[in-house]
Amino acid sequence: MDITPVLEERGLRYGRFADNSAIAQMLKDVMHKSPNWDKLPMDFKEALDMNASKISRMLCGDWEWLDNPRDIIGFWSLVINDRESSSSSEG
């Protein structure tokens, strides 16, 4: 299977993978060293990590591509929905 066309398309949309990786890892490193990181539940940590990846894509590639901010909103919607459904089932 030749994935070259897919990689070329993603490169045009998101920029170079090496650049994305560097920025995402720097953002994650800062977050992981923050005072509250170890206190956060797993879903918050994962949403934040995914946000870092989406932010790096906007910084390296087509920042006008709205799927990245939509995904960021989507991650937090999942966290909020899960928390709200958990709290309503406890009551």
Protein backbone atom coordinates (compact mmCIF):
# COMPACT_ATOMS: atom_id res chain seq x y z
CA MET A 1 0.00 0.00 0.00
CA ASP A 2 1.45 3.35 -1.07
CA ILE A 3 0.68 6.03 1.52
CA THR A 4 2.76 8.71 -0.23
CA PRO A 5 -0.29 10.65 -1.48
CA VAL A 6 -1.78 10.71 2.02
CA LEU A 7 1.49 11.90 3.56
CA GLU A 8 1.86 14.59 0.90
CA GLU A 9 -1.69 15.82 1.52
CA ARG A 10 -1.15 15.86 5.31
CA GLY A 11 2.13 17.71 4.84
CA LEU A 12 0.39 20.44 2.88
CA ARG A 13 -2.37 20.68 5.49
CA TYR A 14 -0.35 20.30 8.71
CA GLY A 15 3.24 21.13 7.84
CA ARG A 16 6.27 18.94 8.39
CA PHE A 17 5.84 16.10 10.89
CA ALA A 18 9.22 16.88 12.47
CA ASP A 19 8.15 20.47 13.12
CA ASN A 20 4.80 19.36 14.52
CA SER A 21 6.46 16.82 16.76
CA ALA A 22 8.91 19.35 18.18
CA ILE A 23 6.24 21.93 19.00
CA ALA A 24 3.75 19.39 20.38
CA GLN A 25 6.39 17.81 22.60
CA MET A 26 7.52 21.20 23.93
CA LEU A 27 3.92 22.13 24.76
CA LYS A 28 3.33 18.77 26.42
CA ASP A 29 6.58 19.03 28.37
CA VAL A 30 5.49 22.38 29.83
CA MET A 31 2.06 21.01 30.69
CA HIS A 32 3.44 17.82 32.24
CA LYS A 33 5.72 19.89 34.50
CA SER A 34 2.92 22.16 35.71
CA PRO A 35 1.94 22.16 39.41
CA ASN A 36 -1.45 20.49 38.85
CA TRP A 37 -0.56 17.89 36.20
CA ASP A 38 -0.36 14.97 38.64
CA LYS A 39 -3.71 15.96 40.17
CA LEU A 40 -5.59 15.87 36.86
CA PRO A 41 -7.74 12.90 35.90
CA MET A 42 -6.71 10.91 32.84
CA ASP A 43 -9.40 12.39 30.58
CA PHE A 44 -8.18 15.93 31.28
CA LYS A 45 -4.57 14.90 30.63
CA GLU A 46 -5.47 13.24 27.35
CA ALA A 47 -7.56 16.20 26.17
CA LEU A 48 -4.69 18.56 26.97
CA ASP A 49 -2.18 16.33 25.15
CA MET A 50 -4.44 16.10 22.11
CA ASN A 51 -4.90 19.88 22.20
CA ALA A 52 -1.12 20.32 22.07
CA SER A 53 -1.01 18.21 18.90
CA LYS A 54 -3.81 20.21 17.30
CA ILE A 55 -2.19 23.51 18.30
CA SER A 56 1.12 22.42 16.77
CA ARG A 57 -0.68 21.60 13.52
CA MET A 58 -2.15 25.11 13.44
CA LEU A 59 1.26 26.64 14.13
CA CYS A 60 3.03 24.59 11.44
CA GLY A 61 0.42 24.23 8.73
CA ASP A 62 -2.83 25.64 7.50
CA TRP A 63 -4.07 27.57 10.54
CA GLU A 64 -7.32 28.36 8.73
CA TRP A 65 -8.24 24.65 8.54
CA LEU A 66 -11.12 24.54 11.02
CA ASP A 67 -10.92 20.83 11.82
CA ASN A 68 -8.19 21.51 14.40
CA PRO A 69 -10.21 23.92 16.56
CA ARG A 70 -13.27 21.70 16.05
CA ASP A 71 -11.30 18.76 17.39
CA ILE A 72 -10.17 20.81 20.41
CA ILE A 73 -13.78 21.70 21.16
CA GLY A 74 -14.72 18.06 20.63
CA PHE A 75 -12.16 16.76 23.15
CA TRP A 76 -13.44 19.10 25.83
CA SER A 77 -17.06 18.32 24.95
CA LEU A 78 -16.32 14.65 25.61
CA VAL A 79 -14.74 15.48 28.97
CA ILE A 80 -17.65 17.75 29.97
CA ASN A 81 -20.32 15.30 28.81
CA ASP A 82 -18.67 12.44 30.68
CA ARG A 83 -18.35 14.51 33.86
CA GLU A 84 -21.92 15.77 33.65
CA SER A 85 -23.35 12.31 33.04
CA SER A 86 -21.28 10.90 35.92
CA SER A 87 -22.46 13.59 38.32
CA SER A 88 -26.10 13.26 37.28
CA SER A 89 -26.02 9.49 37.79
CA GLU A 90 -24.57 9.97 41.30
CA GLY A 91 -27.45 12.18 42.41
